[in-house]
Amino acid sequence: MPYDILQLNDMLVPELVDIANELKIKDTKSLDKQKLIYKILDQQALNESGDTAADE
């Protein structure tokens, strides 16, 4: 299930790092909370666009 920005903002950094690791985002330790949130949102969007292309 994709997360939205409000859900991500309510999470603690360790939770965000876990999600980022699931999405195979690298170098999460060097990111602050907001950058981590935007990386997660970006990766989710890329994953969804890839899923859509595979369905066509």
PDB file of N, CA and C in Angstrom:
ATOM      1  N   MET A   1       0.845  -1.187   0.000  1.00  0.00           N
ATOM      2  CA  MET A   1       0.000   0.000   0.000  1.00  0.00           C
ATOM      3  C   MET A   1       0.888   1.248   0.000  1.00  0.00           C
ATOM      4  N   PRO A   2       0.668   2.127  -0.937  1.00  0.00           N
ATOM      5  CA  PRO A   2       1.479   3.350  -0.956  1.00  0.00           C
ATOM      6  C   PRO A   2       1.147   4.269   0.226  1.00  0.00           C
ATOM      7  N   TYR A   3       2.147   4.916   0.709  1.00  0.00           N
ATOM      8  CA  TYR A   3       1.980   5.882   1.793  1.00  0.00           C
ATOM      9  C   TYR A   3       1.791   7.265   1.198  1.00  0.00           C
ATOM     10  N   ASP A   4       1.026   8.109   1.902  1.00  0.00           N
ATOM     11  CA  ASP A   4       0.924   9.496   1.460  1.00  0.00           C
ATOM     12  C   ASP A   4       1.759  10.371   2.398  1.00  0.00           C
ATOM     13  N   ILE A   5       1.916  11.615   2.021  1.00  0.00           N
ATOM     14  CA  ILE A   5       2.814  12.511   2.759  1.00  0.00           C
ATOM     15  C   ILE A   5       2.358  12.722   4.202  1.00  0.00           C
ATOM     16  N   LEU A   6       1.058  12.718   4.446  1.00  0.00           N
ATOM     17  CA  LEU A   6       0.564  12.914   5.809  1.00  0.00           C
ATOM     18  C   LEU A   6       0.922  11.732   6.701  1.00  0.00           C
ATOM     19  N   GLN A   7       0.773  10.530   6.171  1.00  0.00           N
ATOM     20  CA  GLN A   7       1.147   9.337   6.936  1.00  0.00           C
ATOM     21  C   GLN A   7       2.638   9.351   7.247  1.00  0.00           C
ATOM     22  N   LEU A   8       3.426   9.674   6.248  1.00  0.00           N
ATOM     23  CA  LEU A   8       4.876   9.671   6.428  1.00  0.00           C
ATOM     24  C   LEU A   8       5.319  10.732   7.430  1.00  0.00           C
ATOM     25  N   ASN A   9       4.689  11.894   7.411  1.00  0.00           N
ATOM     26  CA  ASN A   9       5.044  12.957   8.356  1.00  0.00           C
ATOM     27  C   ASN A   9       4.753  12.564   9.797  1.00  0.00           C
ATOM     28  N   ASP A  10       3.766  11.693  10.001  1.00  0.00           N
ATOM     29  CA  ASP A  10       3.415  11.247  11.350  1.00  0.00           C
ATOM     30  C   ASP A  10       4.350  10.166  11.884  1.00  0.00           C
ATOM     31  N   MET A  11       5.187   9.622  11.030  1.00  0.00           N
ATOM     32  CA  MET A  11       6.078   8.528  11.427  1.00  0.00           C
ATOM     33  C   MET A  11       7.390   9.059  11.991  1.00  0.00           C
ATOM     34  N   LEU A  12       8.022   8.201  12.778  1.00  0.00           N
ATOM     35  CA  LEU A  12       9.347   8.506  13.300  1.00  0.00           C
ATOM     36  C   LEU A  12      10.399   8.131  12.256  1.00  0.00           C
ATOM     37  N   VAL A  13      11.567   8.728  12.370  1.00  0.00           N
ATOM     38  CA  VAL A  13      12.634   8.482  11.398  1.00  0.00           C
ATOM     39  C   VAL A  13      12.971   6.988  11.273  1.00  0.00           C
ATOM     40  N   PRO A  14      13.078   6.233  12.379  1.00  0.00           N
ATOM     41  CA  PRO A  14      13.385   4.799  12.204  1.00  0.00           C
ATOM     42  C   PRO A  14      12.329   4.054  11.373  1.00  0.00           C
ATOM     43  N   GLU A  15      11.066   4.442  11.507  1.00  0.00           N
ATOM     44  CA  GLU A  15      10.009   3.836  10.692  1.00  0.00           C
ATOM     45  C   GLU A  15      10.200   4.195   9.221  1.00  0.00           C
ATOM     46  N   LEU A  16      10.557   5.437   8.964  1.00  0.00           N
ATOM     47  CA  LEU A  16      10.795   5.880   7.591  1.00  0.00           C
ATOM     48  C   LEU A  16      11.990   5.152   6.979  1.00  0.00           C
ATOM     49  N   VAL A  17      13.015   4.936   7.771  1.00  0.00           N
ATOM     50  CA  VAL A  17      14.195   4.215   7.286  1.00  0.00           C
ATOM     51  C   VAL A  17      13.808   2.786   6.914  1.00  0.00           C
ATOM     52  N   ASP A  18      12.960   2.151   7.724  1.00  0.00           N
ATOM     53  CA  ASP A  18      12.501   0.791   7.408  1.00  0.00           C
ATOM     54  C   ASP A  18      11.756   0.758   6.081  1.00  0.00           C
ATOM     55  N   ILE A  19      10.870   1.721   5.877  1.00  0.00           N
ATOM     56  CA  ILE A  19      10.114   1.797   4.618  1.00  0.00           C
ATOM     57  C   ILE A  19      11.071   2.032   3.452  1.00  0.00           C
ATOM     58  N   ALA A  20      12.005   2.946   3.644  1.00  0.00           N
ATOM     59  CA  ALA A  20      12.983   3.240   2.587  1.00  0.00           C
ATOM     60  C   ALA A  20      13.792   1.992   2.235  1.00  0.00           C
ATOM     61  N   ASN A  21      14.163   1.228   3.243  1.00  0.00           N
ATOM     62  CA  ASN A  21      14.917  -0.003   2.984  1.00  0.00           C
ATOM     63  C   ASN A  21      14.072  -1.007   2.204  1.00  0.00           C
ATOM     64  N   GLU A  22      12.785  -1.110   2.529  1.00  0.00           N
ATOM     65  CA  GLU A  22      11.879  -1.993   1.787  1.00  0.00           C
ATOM     66  C   GLU A  22      11.794  -1.578   0.320  1.00  0.00           C
ATOM     67  N   LEU A  23      11.861  -0.270   0.079  1.00  0.00           N
ATOM     68  CA  LEU A  23      11.784   0.260  -1.284  1.00  0.00           C
ATOM     69  C   LEU A  23      13.157   0.292  -1.966  1.00  0.00           C
ATOM     70  N   LYS A  24      14.166  -0.232  -1.273  1.00  0.00           N
ATOM     71  CA  LYS A  24      15.538  -0.305  -1.803  1.00  0.00           C
ATOM     72  C   LYS A  24      16.148   1.071  -2.077  1.00  0.00           C
ATOM     73  N   ILE A  25      15.839   2.023  -1.199  1.00  0.00           N
ATOM     74  CA  ILE A  25      16.440   3.356  -1.275  1.00  0.00           C
ATOM     75  C   ILE A  25      17.774   3.299  -0.533  1.00  0.00           C
ATOM     76  N   LYS A  26      18.827   3.780  -1.175  1.00  0.00           N
ATOM     77  CA  LYS A  26      20.169   3.718  -0.589  1.00  0.00           C
ATOM     78  C   LYS A  26      20.494   5.002   0.181  1.00  0.00           C
ATOM     79  N   ASP A  27      21.491   4.899   1.043  1.00  0.00           N
ATOM     80  CA  ASP A  27      22.025   6.047   1.799  1.00  0.00           C
ATOM     81  C   ASP A  27      20.970   6.741   2.653  1.00  0.00           C
ATOM     82  N   THR A  28      20.120   5.981   3.310  1.00  0.00           N
ATOM     83  CA  THR A  28      19.059   6.572   4.127  1.00  0.00           C
ATOM     84  C   THR A  28      19.605   7.230   5.383  1.00  0.00           C
ATOM     85  N   LYS A  29      20.750   6.782   5.860  1.00  0.00           N
ATOM     86  CA  LYS A  29      21.292   7.312   7.115  1.00  0.00           C
ATOM     87  C   LYS A  29      21.722   8.774   6.997  1.00  0.00           C
ATOM     88  N   SER A  30      22.052   9.204   5.789  1.00  0.00           N
ATOM     89  CA  SER A  30      22.536  10.573   5.608  1.00  0.00           C
ATOM     90  C   SER A  30      21.404  11.574   5.356  1.00  0.00           C
ATOM     91  N   LEU A  31      20.157  11.090   5.283  1.00  0.00           N
ATOM     92  CA  LEU A  31      19.034  11.964   4.949  1.00  0.00           C
ATOM     93  C   LEU A  31      18.297  12.438   6.195  1.00  0.00           C
ATOM     94  N   ASP A  32      17.835  13.683   6.172  1.00  0.00           N
ATOM     95  CA  ASP A  32      16.975  14.135   7.259  1.00  0.00           C
ATOM     96  C   ASP A  32      15.543  13.656   6.979  1.00  0.00           C
ATOM     97  N   LYS A  33      14.648  13.884   7.914  1.00  0.00           N
ATOM     98  CA  LYS A  33      13.291  13.334   7.816  1.00  0.00           C
ATOM     99  C   LYS A  33      12.575  13.771   6.540  1.00  0.00           C
ATOM    100  N   GLN A  34      12.607  15.053   6.219  1.00  0.00           N
ATOM    101  CA  GLN A  34      11.884  15.537   5.040  1.00  0.00           C
ATOM    102  C   GLN A  34      12.446  14.959   3.745  1.00  0.00           C
ATOM    103  N   LYS A  35      13.754  14.878   3.639  1.00  0.00           N
ATOM    104  CA  LYS A  35      14.359  14.309   2.426  1.00  0.00           C
ATOM    105  C   LYS A  35      14.018  12.828   2.302  1.00  0.00           C
ATOM    106  N   LEU A  36      13.988  12.144   3.436  1.00  0.00           N
ATOM    107  CA  LEU A  36      13.625  10.732   3.449  1.00  0.00           C
ATOM    108  C   LEU A  36      12.183  10.548   2.973  1.00  0.00           C
ATOM    109  N   ILE A  37      11.290  11.399   3.444  1.00  0.00           N
ATOM    110  CA  ILE A  37       9.883  11.342   3.031  1.00  0.00           C
ATOM    111  C   ILE A  37       9.768  11.535   1.521  1.00  0.00           C
ATOM    112  N   TYR A  38      10.456  12.532   0.988  1.00  0.00           N
ATOM    113  CA  TYR A  38      10.351  12.787  -0.454  1.00  0.00           C
ATOM    114  C   TYR A  38      10.992  11.673  -1.279  1.00  0.00           C
ATOM    115  N   LYS A  39      12.055  11.067  -0.768  1.00  0.00           N
ATOM    116  CA  LYS A  39      12.653   9.919  -1.469  1.00  0.00           C
ATOM    117  C   LYS A  39      11.658   8.758  -1.517  1.00  0.00           C
ATOM    118  N   ILE A  40      10.965   8.520  -0.398  1.00  0.00           N
ATOM    119  CA  ILE A  40       9.967   7.442  -0.344  1.00  0.00           C
ATOM    120  C   ILE A  40       8.845   7.724  -1.329  1.00  0.00           C
ATOM    121  N   LEU A  41       8.342   8.954  -1.332  1.00  0.00           N
ATOM    122  CA  LEU A  41       7.262   9.314  -2.260  1.00  0.00           C
ATOM    123  C   LEU A  41       7.718   9.165  -3.710  1.00  0.00           C
ATOM    124  N   ASP A  42       8.926   9.609  -4.003  1.00  0.00           N
ATOM    125  CA  ASP A  42       9.465   9.484  -5.370  1.00  0.00           C
ATOM    126  C   ASP A  42       9.576   8.023  -5.786  1.00  0.00           C
ATOM    127  N   GLN A  43      10.104   7.198  -4.886  1.00  0.00           N
ATOM    128  CA  GLN A  43      10.294   5.787  -5.221  1.00  0.00           C
ATOM    129  C   GLN A  43       8.950   5.084  -5.412  1.00  0.00           C
ATOM    130  N   GLN A  44       7.972   5.416  -4.581  1.00  0.00           N
ATOM    131  CA  GLN A  44       6.634   4.840  -4.747  1.00  0.00           C
ATOM    132  C   GLN A  44       6.052   5.208  -6.105  1.00  0.00           C
ATOM    133  N   ALA A  45       6.231   6.458  -6.509  1.00  0.00           N
ATOM    134  CA  ALA A  45       5.717   6.911  -7.806  1.00  0.00           C
ATOM    135  C   ALA A  45       6.400   6.154  -8.940  1.00  0.00           C
ATOM    136  N   LEU A  46       7.704   5.955  -8.829  1.00  0.00           N
ATOM    137  CA  LEU A  46       8.428   5.201  -9.853  1.00  0.00           C
ATOM    138  C   LEU A  46       7.954   3.755  -9.905  1.00  0.00           C
ATOM    139  N   ASN A  47       7.751   3.161  -8.739  1.00  0.00           N
ATOM    140  CA  ASN A  47       7.282   1.777  -8.687  1.00  0.00           C
ATOM    141  C   ASN A  47       5.896   1.650  -9.298  1.00  0.00           C
ATOM    142  N   GLU A  48       5.015   2.612  -9.004  1.00  0.00           N
ATOM    143  CA  GLU A  48       3.657   2.569  -9.541  1.00  0.00           C
ATOM    144  C   GLU A  48       3.660   2.768 -11.052  1.00  0.00           C
ATOM    145  N   SER A  49       4.509   3.662 -11.547  1.00  0.00           N
ATOM    146  CA  SER A  49       4.550   3.878 -12.996  1.00  0.00           C
ATOM    147  C   SER A  49       5.111   2.645 -13.692  1.00  0.00           C
ATOM    148  N   GLY A  50       6.027   1.953 -13.061  1.00  0.00           N
ATOM    149  CA  GLY A  50       6.560   0.714 -13.610  1.00  0.00           C
ATOM    150  C   GLY A  50       5.514  -0.380 -13.633  1.00  0.00           C
ATOM    151  N   ASP A  51       4.680  -0.457 -12.591  1.00  0.00           N
ATOM    152  CA  ASP A  51       3.600  -1.443 -12.541  1.00  0.00           C
ATOM    153  C   ASP A  51       2.577  -1.172 -13.624  1.00  0.00           C
ATOM    154  N   THR A  52       2.270   0.094 -13.853  1.00  0.00           N
ATOM    155  CA  THR A  52       1.287   0.465 -14.870  1.00  0.00           C
ATOM    156  C   THR A  52       1.794   0.092 -16.257  1.00  0.00           C
ATOM    157  N   ALA A  53       3.058   0.345 -16.517  1.00  0.00           N
ATOM    158  CA  ALA A  53       3.630   0.027 -17.826  1.00  0.00           C
ATOM    159  C   ALA A  53       3.622  -1.483 -18.063  1.00  0.00           C
ATOM    160  N   ALA A  54       3.826  -2.260 -17.021  1.00  0.00           N
ATOM    161  CA  ALA A  54       3.832  -3.714 -17.155  1.00  0.00           C
ATOM    162  C   ALA A  54       2.432  -4.248 -17.434  1.00  0.00           C
ATOM    163  N   ASP A  55       1.418  -3.544 -16.958  1.00  0.00           N
ATOM    164  CA  ASP A  55       0.033  -3.974 -17.159  1.00  0.00           C
ATOM    165  C   ASP A  55      -0.444  -3.741 -18.581  1.00  0.00           C
ATOM    166  N   GLU A  56       0.194  -2.823 -19.293  1.00  0.00           N
ATOM    167  CA  GLU A  56      -0.277  -2.466 -20.637  1.00  0.00           C
ATOM    168  C   GLU A  56       0.156  -3.455 -21.683  1.00  0.00           C
TER     169      GLU A  56
END
